[in-house]
């Protein structure tokens, strides 16, 4: 099923110049904003109040095609009926009828107000690259790279006082960039080898909330590296230790000249093979 044939329109926007990264592509946080707006719109369909960030417990996003400045954006939403993902809400984000990203919201709190689709219609949104589900989805953490990320401001929060989904990813981008550089994926390495990286899939699990004025920090670690992909996990909490979210990223190494996937750098393979941060060695919890 083509995304234009499924669900109901739940958000429209466009890619603005100031929303693009240094490659000229729409920044990840604005995909997340579009999906969050779509989920809140769906929640309002039943005539109830807007739960804000509480529309989801977790969200799984897959990226299919990059968007550039000026591209129109349209999101359609539906509820899955039957199968393993019964009741989840699926969002298709497209531009000019071409699929760009998908999101799977669990639990689908607004599912009864949306069109119903079979699980096979949501195949493009189902998890694929994040294979270490069980321990990470429970909020387990390891002793990884720790970093203070700043102070939450009122503008970071929605009408309920909760940290917004897109502002969460602003902080995650700081944490992941710092962590990837610490692993060896520095700007110098990319300049010398033309081997960059690109997020293709991510999963966010809310663990709690924080209010404006509180400090936020991250703990990041390498989960997996093999072939052309690797995954990292980022646990965010307040400075007092209150858990906020666990974000898992699946990335591919990219030849920046050809824009095609390539083998992950040896330094990632070496650190992954050491086994210190594999799921079976995860100790402690949020």
Protein backbone atom coordinates (compact mmCIF):
# COMPACT_ATOMS: atom_id res chain seq x y z
CA UNK A 1 0.00 0.00 0.00
CA UNK A 2 1.34 3.41 -0.98
CA UNK A 3 1.42 5.83 1.96
CA UNK A 4 -0.91 8.24 0.13
CA UNK A 5 -3.57 5.53 0.16
CA UNK A 6 -3.53 4.93 3.91
CA UNK A 7 -4.70 6.76 6.99
CA UNK A 8 -5.86 10.33 7.41
CA UNK A 9 -3.83 13.52 7.08
CA UNK A 10 -2.59 14.46 10.55
CA UNK A 11 0.06 17.14 9.87
CA UNK A 12 1.47 19.24 7.05
CA UNK A 13 4.54 21.43 7.07
CA UNK A 14 7.55 22.24 4.91
CA UNK A 15 11.33 22.06 5.22
CA UNK A 16 12.67 25.48 6.20
CA UNK A 17 16.23 26.62 5.51
CA UNK A 18 17.02 27.09 9.21
CA UNK A 19 15.83 23.53 9.95
CA UNK A 20 18.52 21.89 7.81
CA UNK A 21 21.87 20.49 8.92
CA UNK A 22 25.32 21.16 7.46
CA UNK A 23 24.56 18.72 4.62
CA UNK A 24 21.46 20.66 3.65
CA UNK A 25 19.13 17.88 4.86
CA UNK A 26 16.15 18.28 7.16
CA UNK A 27 17.40 17.79 10.71
CA UNK A 28 16.17 14.73 12.59
CA UNK A 29 14.48 16.74 15.34
CA UNK A 30 12.02 18.23 12.85
CA UNK A 31 10.93 14.81 11.63
CA UNK A 32 10.25 14.02 15.29
CA UNK A 33 8.29 17.26 15.68
CA UNK A 34 6.08 16.41 12.70
CA UNK A 35 5.36 12.95 14.12
CA UNK A 36 4.56 14.39 17.55
CA UNK A 37 2.19 16.96 16.06
CA UNK A 38 0.51 14.14 14.14
CA UNK A 39 0.08 12.05 17.29
CA UNK A 40 -1.39 14.98 19.25
CA UNK A 41 -3.74 15.81 16.36
CA UNK A 42 -4.91 12.18 16.34
CA UNK A 43 -5.49 12.36 20.10
CA UNK A 44 -7.75 15.39 19.61
CA UNK A 45 -9.96 13.62 17.08
CA UNK A 46 -12.07 12.10 19.82
CA UNK A 47 -12.89 15.49 21.30
CA UNK A 48 -10.72 14.95 24.37
CA UNK A 49 -7.93 17.16 25.72
CA UNK A 50 -4.41 17.14 24.31
CA UNK A 51 -2.09 14.91 26.42
CA UNK A 52 1.04 16.44 24.86
CA UNK A 53 4.15 14.27 25.26
CA UNK A 54 2.01 11.60 26.93
CA UNK A 55 0.50 10.54 23.60
CA UNK A 56 3.18 7.81 23.52
CA UNK A 57 5.19 5.53 25.76
CA UNK A 58 7.67 4.79 23.00
CA UNK A 59 8.15 5.71 19.36
CA UNK A 60 10.09 3.81 16.69
CA UNK A 61 11.17 5.88 13.67
CA UNK A 62 12.64 4.70 10.37
CA UNK A 63 14.16 6.99 7.73
CA UNK A 64 13.68 6.12 4.07
CA UNK A 65 14.63 9.24 2.10
CA UNK A 66 16.26 12.56 2.90
CA UNK A 67 14.36 15.83 2.59
CA UNK A 68 15.85 19.13 1.43
CA UNK A 69 15.05 22.80 1.90
CA UNK A 70 11.67 23.74 0.47
CA UNK A 71 10.28 20.20 0.31
CA UNK A 72 6.61 19.91 1.25
CA UNK A 73 5.83 17.53 4.11
CA UNK A 74 2.62 15.60 4.77
CA UNK A 75 1.95 13.05 7.51
CA UNK A 76 -0.81 10.45 7.44
CA UNK A 77 -1.80 8.36 10.45
CA UNK A 78 -3.69 5.12 11.05
CA UNK A 79 -4.11 2.43 13.69
CA UNK A 80 -2.86 -1.13 13.17
CA UNK A 81 -5.48 -3.87 13.50
CA UNK A 82 -4.27 -7.40 14.24
CA UNK A 83 -0.84 -9.02 14.46
CA UNK A 84 2.00 -8.32 16.87
CA UNK A 85 1.53 -4.53 16.63
CA UNK A 86 -2.22 -4.53 17.14
CA UNK A 87 -3.38 -1.14 18.48
CA UNK A 88 -0.18 0.75 17.65
CA UNK A 89 -0.47 3.99 15.69
CA UNK A 90 1.54 4.26 12.47
CA UNK A 91 2.54 7.53 10.79
CA UNK A 92 3.79 7.90 7.20
CA UNK A 93 5.72 11.09 6.43
CA UNK A 94 5.95 11.86 2.73
CA UNK A 95 6.91 14.60 0.31
CA UNK A 96 5.18 14.87 -3.09
CA UNK A 97 3.81 11.36 -2.54
CA UNK A 98 7.23 9.80 -1.88
CA UNK A 99 7.79 8.17 1.51
CA UNK A 100 10.52 9.83 3.59
CA UNK A 101 10.08 8.47 7.14
CA UNK A 102 7.74 6.37 9.25
CA UNK A 103 6.92 6.19 12.94
CA UNK A 104 5.30 3.55 15.11
CA UNK A 105 3.72 4.83 18.35
CA UNK A 106 3.11 2.54 21.30
CA UNK A 107 0.75 2.36 22.96
CA UNK A 108 -1.57 3.85 20.35
CA UNK A 109 -3.65 5.92 22.73
CA UNK A 110 -5.63 7.57 19.92
CA UNK A 111 -6.08 4.42 17.83
CA UNK A 112 -9.86 4.19 18.12
CA UNK A 113 -10.27 7.56 16.38
CA UNK A 114 -8.12 6.68 13.36
CA UNK A 115 -8.64 4.61 10.21
CA UNK A 116 -7.72 0.94 10.78
CA UNK A 117 -5.13 -0.86 8.62
CA UNK A 118 -3.75 -4.43 8.72
CA UNK A 119 -0.22 -4.94 10.00
CA UNK A 120 1.12 -5.65 6.50
CA UNK A 121 0.12 -2.13 5.44
CA UNK A 122 2.53 -0.78 8.06
CA UNK A 123 5.51 -2.91 6.98
CA UNK A 124 7.64 0.16 6.17
CA UNK A 125 7.32 1.35 9.77
CA UNK A 126 8.06 -1.89 11.64
CA UNK A 127 11.41 -2.29 13.47
CA UNK A 128 14.24 -3.61 11.37
CA UNK A 129 17.72 -2.53 12.43
CA UNK A 130 17.42 -2.23 16.21
CA UNK A 131 17.76 -5.87 17.18
CA UNK A 132 18.75 -5.49 20.84
CA UNK A 133 15.22 -4.79 21.98
CA UNK A 134 14.62 -6.63 25.24
CA UNK A 135 17.19 -5.20 27.67
CA UNK A 136 17.33 -1.71 26.23
CA UNK A 137 13.57 -1.24 26.09
CA UNK A 138 13.52 -1.82 29.85
CA UNK A 139 15.70 1.23 30.40
CA UNK A 140 18.88 -0.60 31.35
CA UNK A 141 22.11 1.39 31.21
CA UNK A 142 25.85 0.78 31.34
CA UNK A 143 28.78 2.90 32.45
CA UNK A 144 29.29 4.82 29.23
CA UNK A 145 30.27 8.32 28.13
CA UNK A 146 28.63 10.87 30.43
CA UNK A 147 28.00 14.50 29.50
CA UNK A 148 26.07 17.49 30.93
CA UNK A 149 23.74 18.81 28.22
CA UNK A 150 22.40 22.04 29.68
CA UNK A 151 19.37 23.37 31.53
CA UNK A 152 15.75 22.78 30.54
CA UNK A 153 13.97 26.04 29.74
CA UNK A 154 10.22 26.80 29.60
CA UNK A 155 10.48 26.88 25.80
CA UNK A 156 11.62 23.24 25.86
CA UNK A 157 8.31 22.14 27.37
CA UNK A 158 4.78 21.69 26.03
CA UNK A 159 1.47 22.95 27.43
CA UNK A 160 1.49 20.17 30.07
CA UNK A 161 4.94 21.13 31.31
CA UNK A 162 6.58 18.04 29.77
CA UNK A 163 9.74 18.09 27.67
CA UNK A 164 8.69 18.13 23.99
CA UNK A 165 9.72 15.32 21.68
CA UNK A 166 11.70 17.54 19.32
CA UNK A 167 13.53 19.31 22.15
CA UNK A 168 14.41 15.89 23.56
CA UNK A 169 16.13 15.17 20.26
CA UNK A 170 18.03 18.42 20.35
CA UNK A 171 19.63 17.16 23.54
CA UNK A 172 20.08 13.68 22.08
CA UNK A 173 21.91 15.16 19.09
CA UNK A 174 24.40 16.82 21.45
CA UNK A 175 24.90 13.58 23.37
CA UNK A 176 25.25 11.36 20.30
CA UNK A 177 27.64 13.73 18.52
CA UNK A 178 29.88 13.94 21.59
CA UNK A 179 29.75 10.16 22.03
CA UNK A 180 30.49 9.35 18.38
CA UNK A 181 33.45 11.72 18.37
CA UNK A 182 34.75 10.03 21.53
CA UNK A 183 34.56 6.68 19.73
CA UNK A 184 36.76 8.04 16.92
CA UNK A 185 34.14 9.40 14.51
CA UNK A 186 35.66 12.89 14.64
CA UNK A 187 35.35 15.64 12.02
CA UNK A 188 39.04 15.02 11.24
CA UNK A 189 38.39 11.32 10.59
CA UNK A 190 35.50 12.14 8.25
CA UNK A 191 37.56 14.77 6.40
CA UNK A 192 40.44 12.32 5.92
CA UNK A 193 38.40 9.26 4.91
CA UNK A 194 35.10 10.69 3.56
CA UNK A 195 33.33 8.08 5.69
CA UNK A 196 30.48 9.71 7.56
CA UNK A 197 27.43 8.28 9.30
CA UNK A 198 23.67 8.54 8.99
CA UNK A 199 20.81 7.59 11.30
CA UNK A 200 18.43 5.13 9.63
CA UNK A 201 16.35 4.00 12.59
CA UNK A 202 15.74 5.04 16.17
CA UNK A 203 13.59 4.13 19.12
CA UNK A 204 12.68 6.39 22.03
CA UNK A 205 11.25 5.13 25.31
CA UNK A 206 9.99 7.69 27.83
CA UNK A 207 11.14 6.82 31.34
CA UNK A 208 9.95 9.92 33.17
CA UNK A 209 9.76 13.68 32.84
CA UNK A 210 11.63 16.80 33.93
CA UNK A 211 10.47 20.36 34.37
CA UNK A 212 11.93 23.68 33.31
CA UNK A 213 14.92 24.79 35.35
CA UNK A 214 16.32 21.31 35.84
CA UNK A 215 19.70 20.25 34.49
CA UNK A 216 19.93 17.36 32.02
CA UNK A 217 22.75 14.91 31.34
CA UNK A 218 23.39 11.87 29.19
CA UNK A 219 25.05 8.50 29.43
CA UNK A 220 25.93 6.99 26.04
CA UNK A 221 27.39 3.67 24.93
CA UNK A 222 28.11 1.57 21.84
CA UNK A 223 25.72 -1.38 21.56
CA UNK A 224 26.60 -3.08 18.29
CA UNK A 225 28.81 -2.72 15.20
CA UNK A 226 28.96 -5.08 12.25
CA UNK A 227 29.12 -4.82 8.49
CA UNK A 228 27.83 -1.43 7.43
CA UNK A 229 25.83 -0.50 10.54
CA UNK A 230 26.27 0.22 14.22
CA UNK A 231 23.98 1.18 17.07
CA UNK A 232 24.34 3.37 20.14
CA UNK A 233 22.15 4.01 23.19
CA UNK A 234 21.65 7.27 25.06
CA UNK A 235 20.11 7.46 28.51
CA UNK A 236 18.97 10.96 29.51
CA UNK A 237 18.26 11.99 33.08
CA UNK A 238 18.20 15.05 35.31
CA UNK A 239 21.29 16.00 37.30
CA UNK A 240 19.56 14.57 40.37
CA UNK A 241 19.22 11.19 38.66
CA UNK A 242 15.56 11.21 37.58
CA UNK A 243 15.28 9.20 34.32
CA UNK A 244 13.83 11.01 31.31
CA UNK A 245 14.28 8.81 28.25
CA UNK A 246 16.28 6.06 26.58
CA UNK A 247 17.04 6.67 22.91
CA UNK A 248 18.52 3.96 20.69
CA UNK A 249 20.04 4.85 17.32
CA UNK A 250 20.84 2.57 14.39
CA UNK A 251 23.29 4.19 11.97
CA UNK A 252 25.04 3.25 8.74
CA UNK A 253 28.52 4.29 7.69
CA UNK A 254 28.27 6.39 4.52
CA UNK A 255 30.76 7.19 1.77
CA UNK A 256 30.25 10.94 1.59
CA UNK A 257 31.32 11.05 -2.06
CA UNK A 258 29.00 8.37 -3.44
CA UNK A 259 26.34 8.80 -0.69
CA UNK A 260 26.19 5.01 -0.38
CA UNK A 261 26.58 2.77 2.66
CA UNK A 262 30.05 1.43 3.33
CA UNK A 263 31.79 -0.70 5.98
CA UNK A 264 31.91 0.73 9.49
CA UNK A 265 35.36 1.95 10.61
CA UNK A 266 37.71 -0.55 12.23
CA UNK A 267 37.77 1.38 15.51
CA UNK A 268 34.04 0.68 15.96
CA UNK A 269 34.46 -3.01 15.21
CA UNK A 270 37.31 -3.23 17.72
CA UNK A 271 35.33 -1.54 20.48
CA UNK A 272 32.22 -3.61 19.77
CA UNK A 273 34.17 -6.88 19.76
CA UNK A 274 35.59 -6.03 23.17
CA UNK A 275 32.10 -6.80 24.43
CA UNK A 276 32.02 -4.28 27.26
CA UNK A 277 28.75 -2.73 26.18
CA UNK A 278 26.84 -5.71 24.81
CA UNK A 279 23.31 -6.24 26.18
CA UNK A 280 24.22 -9.32 28.22
CA UNK A 281 26.78 -7.24 30.14
CA UNK A 282 24.41 -4.38 30.93
CA UNK A 283 24.26 -3.90 34.68
CA UNK A 284 22.11 -1.54 36.68
CA UNK A 285 19.00 0.24 35.62
CA UNK A 286 17.51 3.67 35.40
